[in-house]
Amino acid sequence: MYIYNVTINIDDTVHKEWLSWISSKITQVLDTGKFTSAKLTEVLVEEEMGGKTYSVQYTTPNKETLDAYYKENAANLQAEGLQKFGAKMLTFRTELRVVQEFFPISHSN
């Protein structure tokens, strides 16, 4: 399993508008059929540059599916954010490969 992580710092002046926009954007990315789930999280740090920082984590079953997203969908979806928010939105992307998942062990009495 792979996680496609997009970290975004958004300027305070457009923060509320961006929050509404990103929800619909996540739905559009999921609608490509290339991801099984997504999480929107707030990064709990104070940035020197100001603004608020978020992470969107998209889960996909394999690297081939992620590569297909890059080839077929990513450019158009990323361009919309650049056009709408420009320099008020800074992003960077990270690919993560899940090595192992751990879950708590249930103890019955």
C-alpha atoms as a PDB file:
ATOM      1  CA  MET A   1       0.000   0.000   0.000  1.00  0.00           C
ATOM      2  CA  TYR A   2       1.169   3.531  -0.763  1.00  0.00           C
ATOM      3  CA  ILE A   3       0.265   6.905   0.659  1.00  0.00           C
ATOM      4  CA  TYR A   4       0.441   9.966  -1.554  1.00  0.00           C
ATOM      5  CA  ASN A   5       0.889  12.829   0.909  1.00  0.00           C
ATOM      6  CA  VAL A   6       0.348  16.456  -0.070  1.00  0.00           C
ATOM      7  CA  THR A   7       1.406  19.030   2.531  1.00  0.00           C
ATOM      8  CA  ILE A   8      -0.048  22.501   2.065  1.00  0.00           C
ATOM      9  CA  ASN A   9       0.598  25.813   3.796  1.00  0.00           C
ATOM     10  CA  ILE A  10      -2.273  28.201   3.154  1.00  0.00           C
ATOM     11  CA  ASP A  11      -2.238  31.939   3.819  1.00  0.00           C
ATOM     12  CA  ASP A  12      -4.607  33.169   6.535  1.00  0.00           C
ATOM     13  CA  THR A  13      -6.298  35.564   4.080  1.00  0.00           C
ATOM     14  CA  VAL A  14      -7.723  32.668   2.030  1.00  0.00           C
ATOM     15  CA  HIS A  15      -7.861  29.951   4.690  1.00  0.00           C
ATOM     16  CA  LYS A  16     -11.665  29.632   4.935  1.00  0.00           C
ATOM     17  CA  GLU A  17     -12.110  29.652   1.166  1.00  0.00           C
ATOM     18  CA  TRP A  18      -9.354  27.051   0.795  1.00  0.00           C
ATOM     19  CA  LEU A  19     -10.938  24.726   3.382  1.00  0.00           C
ATOM     20  CA  SER A  20     -14.174  24.665   1.395  1.00  0.00           C
ATOM     21  CA  TRP A  21     -12.301  24.202  -1.869  1.00  0.00           C
ATOM     22  CA  ILE A  22     -10.025  21.382  -0.648  1.00  0.00           C
ATOM     23  CA  SER A  23     -12.990  19.232   0.401  1.00  0.00           C
ATOM     24  CA  SER A  24     -14.336  19.236  -3.151  1.00  0.00           C
ATOM     25  CA  LYS A  25     -10.814  18.734  -4.522  1.00  0.00           C
ATOM     26  CA  ILE A  26     -10.293  15.621  -2.366  1.00  0.00           C
ATOM     27  CA  THR A  27     -13.577  14.239  -3.705  1.00  0.00           C
ATOM     28  CA  GLN A  28     -12.378  14.885  -7.284  1.00  0.00           C
ATOM     29  CA  VAL A  29      -9.117  13.032  -6.603  1.00  0.00           C
ATOM     30  CA  LEU A  30     -11.010  10.080  -5.103  1.00  0.00           C
ATOM     31  CA  ASP A  31     -13.341  10.112  -8.112  1.00  0.00           C
ATOM     32  CA  THR A  32     -10.357   9.235 -10.347  1.00  0.00           C
ATOM     33  CA  GLY A  33     -10.720   5.710  -8.938  1.00  0.00           C
ATOM     34  CA  LYS A  34      -7.026   5.536  -8.119  1.00  0.00           C
ATOM     35  CA  PHE A  35      -7.265   5.951  -4.337  1.00  0.00           C
ATOM     36  CA  THR A  36      -9.166   3.949  -1.742  1.00  0.00           C
ATOM     37  CA  SER A  37      -9.374   6.661   0.928  1.00  0.00           C
ATOM     38  CA  ALA A  38      -8.172  10.118   1.926  1.00  0.00           C
ATOM     39  CA  LYS A  39      -7.548  11.974   5.178  1.00  0.00           C
ATOM     40  CA  LEU A  40      -7.325  15.728   5.657  1.00  0.00           C
ATOM     41  CA  THR A  41      -5.262  16.593   8.724  1.00  0.00           C
ATOM     42  CA  GLU A  42      -4.071  19.840  10.246  1.00  0.00           C
ATOM     43  CA  VAL A  43      -0.336  19.940  10.958  1.00  0.00           C
ATOM     44  CA  LEU A  44       0.006  21.265  14.496  1.00  0.00           C
ATOM     45  CA  VAL A  45       3.016  23.555  14.094  1.00  0.00           C
ATOM     46  CA  GLU A  46       3.438  27.300  14.074  1.00  0.00           C
ATOM     47  CA  GLU A  47       5.024  28.276  10.792  1.00  0.00           C
ATOM     48  CA  GLU A  48       7.508  31.161  10.718  1.00  0.00           C
ATOM     49  CA  MET A  49       5.921  32.244   7.444  1.00  0.00           C
ATOM     50  CA  GLY A  50       2.460  32.226   9.037  1.00  0.00           C
ATOM     51  CA  GLY A  51      -0.650  30.599   7.668  1.00  0.00           C
ATOM     52  CA  LYS A  52      -1.965  27.161   8.498  1.00  0.00           C
ATOM     53  CA  THR A  53      -0.506  23.867   7.362  1.00  0.00           C
ATOM     54  CA  TYR A  54      -2.469  20.788   6.347  1.00  0.00           C
ATOM     55  CA  SER A  55      -1.698  17.332   5.038  1.00  0.00           C
ATOM     56  CA  VAL A  56      -3.892  15.334   2.685  1.00  0.00           C
ATOM     57  CA  GLN A  57      -3.071  11.629   2.671  1.00  0.00           C
ATOM     58  CA  TYR A  58      -4.418   9.543  -0.204  1.00  0.00           C
ATOM     59  CA  THR A  59      -4.133   5.754   0.065  1.00  0.00           C
ATOM     60  CA  THR A  60      -3.589   3.626  -3.028  1.00  0.00           C
ATOM     61  CA  PRO A  61      -2.941  -0.115  -3.349  1.00  0.00           C
ATOM     62  CA  ASN A  62       0.272  -0.019  -5.395  1.00  0.00           C
ATOM     63  CA  LYS A  63       2.908   2.111  -7.102  1.00  0.00           C
ATOM     64  CA  GLU A  64       1.496   1.428 -10.575  1.00  0.00           C
ATOM     65  CA  THR A  65      -1.834   2.996  -9.631  1.00  0.00           C
ATOM     66  CA  LEU A  66      -0.059   6.026  -8.167  1.00  0.00           C
ATOM     67  CA  ASP A  67       2.021   6.369 -11.335  1.00  0.00           C
ATOM     68  CA  ALA A  68      -1.179   6.207 -13.405  1.00  0.00           C
ATOM     69  CA  TYR A  69      -2.596   9.062 -11.300  1.00  0.00           C
ATOM     70  CA  TYR A  70       0.501  11.159 -12.047  1.00  0.00           C
ATOM     71  CA  LYS A  71       0.277  10.401 -15.761  1.00  0.00           C
ATOM     72  CA  GLU A  72      -3.490  10.758 -16.232  1.00  0.00           C
ATOM     73  CA  ASN A  73      -4.815  13.151 -13.579  1.00  0.00           C
ATOM     74  CA  ALA A  74      -2.298  15.027 -11.449  1.00  0.00           C
ATOM     75  CA  ALA A  75      -1.392  17.937 -13.727  1.00  0.00           C
ATOM     76  CA  ASN A  76      -4.972  19.102 -14.303  1.00  0.00           C
ATOM     77  CA  LEU A  77      -5.960  18.741 -10.653  1.00  0.00           C
ATOM     78  CA  GLN A  78      -2.840  20.556  -9.395  1.00  0.00           C
ATOM     79  CA  ALA A  79      -3.221  23.383 -11.919  1.00  0.00           C
ATOM     80  CA  GLU A  80      -6.607  24.363 -10.502  1.00  0.00           C
ATOM     81  CA  GLY A  81      -5.111  25.041  -7.049  1.00  0.00           C
ATOM     82  CA  LEU A  82      -2.284  27.095  -8.525  1.00  0.00           C
ATOM     83  CA  GLN A  83      -4.701  29.134 -10.590  1.00  0.00           C
ATOM     84  CA  LYS A  84      -7.089  29.726  -7.690  1.00  0.00           C
ATOM     85  CA  PHE A  85      -4.637  30.427  -4.831  1.00  0.00           C
ATOM     86  CA  GLY A  86      -1.276  31.148  -6.497  1.00  0.00           C
ATOM     87  CA  ALA A  87       1.457  32.187  -4.080  1.00  0.00           C
ATOM     88  CA  LYS A  88      -0.964  32.051  -1.127  1.00  0.00           C
ATOM     89  CA  MET A  89      -0.682  28.250  -1.217  1.00  0.00           C
ATOM     90  CA  LEU A  90       2.632  26.412  -0.929  1.00  0.00           C
ATOM     91  CA  THR A  91       2.649  22.635  -1.438  1.00  0.00           C
ATOM     92  CA  PHE A  92       5.028  19.733  -1.445  1.00  0.00           C
ATOM     93  CA  ARG A  93       4.343  16.096  -2.145  1.00  0.00           C
ATOM     94  CA  THR A  94       5.711  12.911  -0.623  1.00  0.00           C
ATOM     95  CA  GLU A  95       5.250   9.256  -1.522  1.00  0.00           C
ATOM     96  CA  LEU A  96       5.148   6.800   1.359  1.00  0.00           C
ATOM     97  CA  ARG A  97       5.210   3.009   1.115  1.00  0.00           C
ATOM     98  CA  VAL A  98       3.515   1.247   4.012  1.00  0.00           C
ATOM     99  CA  VAL A  99       5.958  -1.340   5.334  1.00  0.00           C
ATOM    100  CA  GLN A 100       3.766  -2.760   8.087  1.00  0.00           C
ATOM    101  CA  GLU A 101       0.624  -1.791   9.938  1.00  0.00           C
ATOM    102  CA  PHE A 102       0.101  -2.369  13.640  1.00  0.00           C
ATOM    103  CA  PHE A 103      -3.141  -2.582  15.560  1.00  0.00           C
ATOM    104  CA  PRO A 104      -3.779  -2.935  19.285  1.00  0.00           C
ATOM    105  CA  ILE A 105      -4.288  -6.457  20.543  1.00  0.00           C
ATOM    106  CA  SER A 106      -7.680  -7.004  22.067  1.00  0.00           C
ATOM    107  CA  HIS A 107      -7.470  -8.528  25.543  1.00  0.00           C
ATOM    108  CA  SER A 108     -10.494 -10.512  26.678  1.00  0.00           C
ATOM    109  CA  ASN A 109     -11.051 -11.326  30.353  1.00  0.00           C
END
